[in-house]
Amino acid sequence: MDEIYSKYSSIIYKYLLGLSKNKELAEELMQETFYSAILHYDKLKNDNDKILNWLYIIAKNKWKDYLKKKSKIKQIPLDENLIEEYSYENEVELNDEKKRLYEKINKLNPISKKVILMKINTELTFKEIGEILGKNESWAKTIYYRANNKLREEMKDG
């Protein structure tokens, strides 16, 4: 398991950092991911080709578990000045653009959608994305750039 940790921990950390945007949380979730992997390693049946995908799925589930727990905790603003500076109109505009973009992303073919979301939501490299999806770096780059160009055109057109 030490070899697996050495080989994949940075990839899993980058993935979780991209999701959480928080170094400490990403580190904690990565540790939880590998702890779960150790507990259930016998289920993998020594299939080395599937280890990264397996770790990726565990990490995604740890992230989802964290979000579920977090949603149960009521968030209270710490700084009243932040509330005064908050511009509802700007937030609505940003949310509308994000919503439009994600609607366009959802219309992409499943592979393009997966690559785009992995790239924009994580800090994974194209090489790491390729490894996770069982392909190579240039494949991941090609899929990403084609999908990105398509999204740009569609966002221009409305």
C-alpha atoms as a PDB file:
ATOM      1  CA  MET A   1       0.000   0.000   0.000  1.00  0.00           C
ATOM      2  CA  ASP A   2       2.990   2.324   0.573  1.00  0.00           C
ATOM      3  CA  GLU A   3       3.844   2.037  -3.107  1.00  0.00           C
ATOM      4  CA  ILE A   4       0.281   2.897  -4.116  1.00  0.00           C
ATOM      5  CA  TYR A   5       0.261   5.887  -1.764  1.00  0.00           C
ATOM      6  CA  SER A   6       3.572   7.154  -3.149  1.00  0.00           C
ATOM      7  CA  LYS A   7       2.403   6.737  -6.711  1.00  0.00           C
ATOM      8  CA  TYR A   8      -1.120   8.192  -6.475  1.00  0.00           C
ATOM      9  CA  SER A   9      -1.372  10.450  -3.423  1.00  0.00           C
ATOM     10  CA  SER A  10      -0.435  13.632  -5.315  1.00  0.00           C
ATOM     11  CA  ILE A  11      -3.022  12.923  -8.024  1.00  0.00           C
ATOM     12  CA  ILE A  12      -5.765  12.295  -5.479  1.00  0.00           C
ATOM     13  CA  TYR A  13      -4.694  15.367  -3.486  1.00  0.00           C
ATOM     14  CA  LYS A  14      -4.857  17.596  -6.580  1.00  0.00           C
ATOM     15  CA  TYR A  15      -8.268  16.219  -7.452  1.00  0.00           C
ATOM     16  CA  LEU A  16      -9.590  16.919  -3.947  1.00  0.00           C
ATOM     17  CA  LEU A  17      -7.917  20.332  -3.839  1.00  0.00           C
ATOM     18  CA  GLY A  18      -9.673  21.240  -7.066  1.00  0.00           C
ATOM     19  CA  LEU A  19     -13.007  20.229  -5.594  1.00  0.00           C
ATOM     20  CA  SER A  20     -12.549  21.814  -2.180  1.00  0.00           C
ATOM     21  CA  LYS A  21     -10.295  24.806  -2.959  1.00  0.00           C
ATOM     22  CA  ASN A  22      -8.876  24.231   0.535  1.00  0.00           C
ATOM     23  CA  LYS A  23      -5.433  22.688   1.151  1.00  0.00           C
ATOM     24  CA  GLU A  24      -6.158  21.420   4.660  1.00  0.00           C
ATOM     25  CA  LEU A  25      -9.471  19.889   3.661  1.00  0.00           C
ATOM     26  CA  ALA A  26      -7.941  18.283   0.571  1.00  0.00           C
ATOM     27  CA  GLU A  27      -5.181  16.788   2.725  1.00  0.00           C
ATOM     28  CA  GLU A  28      -7.701  15.479   5.246  1.00  0.00           C
ATOM     29  CA  LEU A  29      -9.934  13.959   2.555  1.00  0.00           C
ATOM     30  CA  MET A  30      -6.914  12.416   0.849  1.00  0.00           C
ATOM     31  CA  GLN A  31      -5.918  10.742   4.126  1.00  0.00           C
ATOM     32  CA  GLU A  32      -9.480   9.469   4.552  1.00  0.00           C
ATOM     33  CA  THR A  33      -9.410   8.171   0.982  1.00  0.00           C
ATOM     34  CA  PHE A  34      -6.266   6.143   1.563  1.00  0.00           C
ATOM     35  CA  TYR A  35      -7.503   4.936   4.948  1.00  0.00           C
ATOM     36  CA  SER A  36     -10.642   3.581   3.261  1.00  0.00           C
ATOM     37  CA  ALA A  37      -8.496   2.088   0.524  1.00  0.00           C
ATOM     38  CA  ILE A  38      -6.419   0.234   3.114  1.00  0.00           C
ATOM     39  CA  LEU A  39      -9.546  -1.089   4.836  1.00  0.00           C
ATOM     40  CA  HIS A  40     -11.037  -2.369   1.570  1.00  0.00           C
ATOM     41  CA  TYR A  41      -7.909  -3.236  -0.418  1.00  0.00           C
ATOM     42  CA  ASP A  42      -8.911  -6.912  -0.580  1.00  0.00           C
ATOM     43  CA  LYS A  43     -11.899  -5.950  -2.766  1.00  0.00           C
ATOM     44  CA  LEU A  44      -9.580  -4.743  -5.513  1.00  0.00           C
ATOM     45  CA  LYS A  45      -8.180  -8.263  -6.071  1.00  0.00           C
ATOM     46  CA  ASN A  46      -4.740  -6.974  -7.098  1.00  0.00           C
ATOM     47  CA  ASP A  47      -5.959  -5.424 -10.336  1.00  0.00           C
ATOM     48  CA  ASN A  48      -3.278  -2.717 -10.683  1.00  0.00           C
ATOM     49  CA  ASP A  49      -4.893  -1.229 -13.775  1.00  0.00           C
ATOM     50  CA  LYS A  50      -7.937  -0.190 -11.765  1.00  0.00           C
ATOM     51  CA  ILE A  51      -6.223   1.236  -8.660  1.00  0.00           C
ATOM     52  CA  LEU A  52      -6.296   4.885  -9.746  1.00  0.00           C
ATOM     53  CA  ASN A  53      -9.958   4.729 -10.825  1.00  0.00           C
ATOM     54  CA  TRP A  54     -10.794   2.999  -7.549  1.00  0.00           C
ATOM     55  CA  LEU A  55      -8.995   5.711  -5.524  1.00  0.00           C
ATOM     56  CA  TYR A  56     -10.670   8.401  -7.616  1.00  0.00           C
ATOM     57  CA  ILE A  57     -14.111   6.962  -6.792  1.00  0.00           C
ATOM     58  CA  ILE A  58     -13.293   6.731  -3.076  1.00  0.00           C
ATOM     59  CA  ALA A  59     -12.065  10.343  -3.084  1.00  0.00           C
ATOM     60  CA  LYS A  60     -15.205  11.539  -4.864  1.00  0.00           C
ATOM     61  CA  ASN A  61     -17.339   9.734  -2.290  1.00  0.00           C
ATOM     62  CA  LYS A  62     -15.342  11.276   0.583  1.00  0.00           C
ATOM     63  CA  TRP A  63     -15.966  14.701  -0.968  1.00  0.00           C
ATOM     64  CA  LYS A  64     -19.698  13.991  -1.275  1.00  0.00           C
ATOM     65  CA  ASP A  65     -19.807  12.811   2.350  1.00  0.00           C
ATOM     66  CA  TYR A  66     -18.096  16.016   3.436  1.00  0.00           C
ATOM     67  CA  LEU A  67     -20.612  18.131   1.504  1.00  0.00           C
ATOM     68  CA  LYS A  68     -23.533  16.272   3.095  1.00  0.00           C
ATOM     69  CA  LYS A  69     -22.133  16.901   6.570  1.00  0.00           C
ATOM     70  CA  LYS A  70     -21.394  20.529   5.758  1.00  0.00           C
ATOM     71  CA  SER A  71     -24.913  21.179   4.457  1.00  0.00           C
ATOM     72  CA  LYS A  72     -26.295  20.168   7.844  1.00  0.00           C
ATOM     73  CA  ILE A  73     -24.251  22.894   9.570  1.00  0.00           C
ATOM     74  CA  LYS A  74     -25.774  26.361   9.397  1.00  0.00           C
ATOM     75  CA  GLN A  75     -23.306  28.908   8.043  1.00  0.00           C
ATOM     76  CA  ILE A  76     -23.139  32.263   9.864  1.00  0.00           C
ATOM     77  CA  PRO A  77     -21.247  35.197   8.307  1.00  0.00           C
ATOM     78  CA  LEU A  78     -18.294  36.260  10.434  1.00  0.00           C
ATOM     79  CA  ASP A  79     -17.945  39.772   9.108  1.00  0.00           C
ATOM     80  CA  GLU A  80     -20.959  42.071   8.817  1.00  0.00           C
ATOM     81  CA  ASN A  81     -19.037  44.276   6.320  1.00  0.00           C
ATOM     82  CA  LEU A  82     -19.019  41.404   3.864  1.00  0.00           C
ATOM     83  CA  ILE A  83     -22.796  41.441   3.801  1.00  0.00           C
ATOM     84  CA  GLU A  84     -22.887  45.178   3.068  1.00  0.00           C
ATOM     85  CA  GLU A  85     -20.366  44.822   0.210  1.00  0.00           C
ATOM     86  CA  TYR A  86     -22.249  41.926  -1.312  1.00  0.00           C
ATOM     87  CA  SER A  87     -23.928  42.850  -4.565  1.00  0.00           C
ATOM     88  CA  TYR A  88     -26.922  40.696  -5.294  1.00  0.00           C
ATOM     89  CA  GLU A  89     -27.088  41.883  -8.909  1.00  0.00           C
ATOM     90  CA  ASN A  90     -23.471  40.877  -9.575  1.00  0.00           C
ATOM     91  CA  GLU A  91     -24.050  37.510  -7.964  1.00  0.00           C
ATOM     92  CA  VAL A  92     -27.124  36.907 -10.117  1.00  0.00           C
ATOM     93  CA  GLU A  93     -25.197  37.787 -13.288  1.00  0.00           C
ATOM     94  CA  LEU A  94     -22.329  35.456 -12.354  1.00  0.00           C
ATOM     95  CA  ASN A  95     -24.735  32.660 -11.460  1.00  0.00           C
ATOM     96  CA  ASP A  96     -26.624  33.091 -14.749  1.00  0.00           C
ATOM     97  CA  GLU A  97     -23.373  32.831 -16.731  1.00  0.00           C
ATOM     98  CA  LYS A  98     -22.237  29.806 -14.713  1.00  0.00           C
ATOM     99  CA  LYS A  99     -25.615  28.181 -15.179  1.00  0.00           C
ATOM    100  CA  ARG A 100     -25.482  28.796 -18.931  1.00  0.00           C
ATOM    101  CA  LEU A 101     -21.966  27.368 -19.114  1.00  0.00           C
ATOM    102  CA  TYR A 102     -22.893  24.243 -17.143  1.00  0.00           C
ATOM    103  CA  GLU A 103     -25.977  23.752 -19.305  1.00  0.00           C
ATOM    104  CA  LYS A 104     -23.707  23.820 -22.367  1.00  0.00           C
ATOM    105  CA  ILE A 105     -21.239  21.436 -20.676  1.00  0.00           C
ATOM    106  CA  ASN A 106     -24.075  19.016 -19.908  1.00  0.00           C
ATOM    107  CA  LYS A 107     -24.927  18.890 -23.615  1.00  0.00           C
ATOM    108  CA  LEU A 108     -21.407  17.708 -24.533  1.00  0.00           C
ATOM    109  CA  ASN A 109     -20.797  14.035 -25.208  1.00  0.00           C
ATOM    110  CA  PRO A 110     -20.043  12.094 -21.992  1.00  0.00           C
ATOM    111  CA  ILE A 111     -16.262  11.874 -22.528  1.00  0.00           C
ATOM    112  CA  SER A 112     -15.851  15.573 -23.355  1.00  0.00           C
ATOM    113  CA  LYS A 113     -18.045  16.478 -20.405  1.00  0.00           C
ATOM    114  CA  LYS A 114     -15.972  14.347 -18.032  1.00  0.00           C
ATOM    115  CA  VAL A 115     -12.642  15.774 -19.245  1.00  0.00           C
ATOM    116  CA  ILE A 116     -13.875  19.389 -19.108  1.00  0.00           C
ATOM    117  CA  LEU A 117     -15.289  18.982 -15.605  1.00  0.00           C
ATOM    118  CA  MET A 118     -12.171  17.236 -14.338  1.00  0.00           C
ATOM    119  CA  LYS A 119      -9.997  20.030 -15.698  1.00  0.00           C
ATOM    120  CA  ILE A 120     -12.044  22.987 -14.454  1.00  0.00           C
ATOM    121  CA  ASN A 121     -13.010  21.492 -11.092  1.00  0.00           C
ATOM    122  CA  THR A 122      -9.649  20.037 -10.114  1.00  0.00           C
ATOM    123  CA  GLU A 123      -5.980  20.858 -10.364  1.00  0.00           C
ATOM    124  CA  LEU A 124      -5.226  17.656 -12.256  1.00  0.00           C
ATOM    125  CA  THR A 125      -2.846  17.785 -15.190  1.00  0.00           C
ATOM    126  CA  PHE A 126      -3.809  16.414 -18.581  1.00  0.00           C
ATOM    127  CA  LYS A 127      -1.484  13.492 -17.921  1.00  0.00           C
ATOM    128  CA  GLU A 128      -3.310  12.699 -14.663  1.00  0.00           C
ATOM    129  CA  ILE A 129      -6.716  13.047 -16.325  1.00  0.00           C
ATOM    130  CA  GLY A 130      -5.574  10.702 -19.063  1.00  0.00           C
ATOM    131  CA  GLU A 131      -4.364   8.163 -16.481  1.00  0.00           C
ATOM    132  CA  ILE A 132      -7.636   8.299 -14.561  1.00  0.00           C
ATOM    133  CA  LEU A 133      -9.603   7.712 -17.761  1.00  0.00           C
ATOM    134  CA  GLY A 134      -7.245   5.026 -19.038  1.00  0.00           C
ATOM    135  CA  LYS A 135      -5.840   7.145 -21.883  1.00  0.00           C
ATOM    136  CA  ASN A 136      -2.751   9.284 -22.438  1.00  0.00           C
ATOM    137  CA  GLU A 137      -1.948  12.967 -21.987  1.00  0.00           C
ATOM    138  CA  SER A 138      -2.380  13.991 -25.631  1.00  0.00           C
ATOM    139  CA  TRP A 139      -5.772  12.310 -25.789  1.00  0.00           C
ATOM    140  CA  ALA A 140      -6.914  14.299 -22.721  1.00  0.00           C
ATOM    141  CA  LYS A 141      -5.560  17.562 -24.204  1.00  0.00           C
ATOM    142  CA  THR A 142      -7.262  16.963 -27.538  1.00  0.00           C
ATOM    143  CA  ILE A 143     -10.621  16.152 -25.966  1.00  0.00           C
ATOM    144  CA  TYR A 144     -10.349  19.188 -23.665  1.00  0.00           C
ATOM    145  CA  TYR A 145      -9.405  21.701 -26.363  1.00  0.00           C
ATOM    146  CA  ARG A 146     -12.049  20.497 -28.812  1.00  0.00           C
ATOM    147  CA  ALA A 147     -14.729  20.655 -26.142  1.00  0.00           C
ATOM    148  CA  ASN A 148     -13.464  24.028 -24.916  1.00  0.00           C
ATOM    149  CA  ASN A 149     -13.618  25.489 -28.431  1.00  0.00           C
ATOM    150  CA  LYS A 150     -17.117  24.139 -28.895  1.00  0.00           C
ATOM    151  CA  LEU A 151     -18.204  25.710 -25.592  1.00  0.00           C
ATOM    152  CA  ARG A 152     -16.707  29.076 -26.553  1.00  0.00           C
ATOM    153  CA  GLU A 153     -18.623  29.103 -29.817  1.00  0.00           C
ATOM    154  CA  GLU A 154     -21.863  28.111 -28.116  1.00  0.00           C
ATOM    155  CA  MET A 155     -21.427  30.736 -25.385  1.00  0.00           C
ATOM    156  CA  LYS A 156     -20.920  33.415 -28.075  1.00  0.00           C
ATOM    157  CA  ASP A 157     -24.025  32.312 -29.945  1.00  0.00           C
ATOM    158  CA  GLY A 158     -26.110  32.299 -26.784  1.00  0.00           C
END
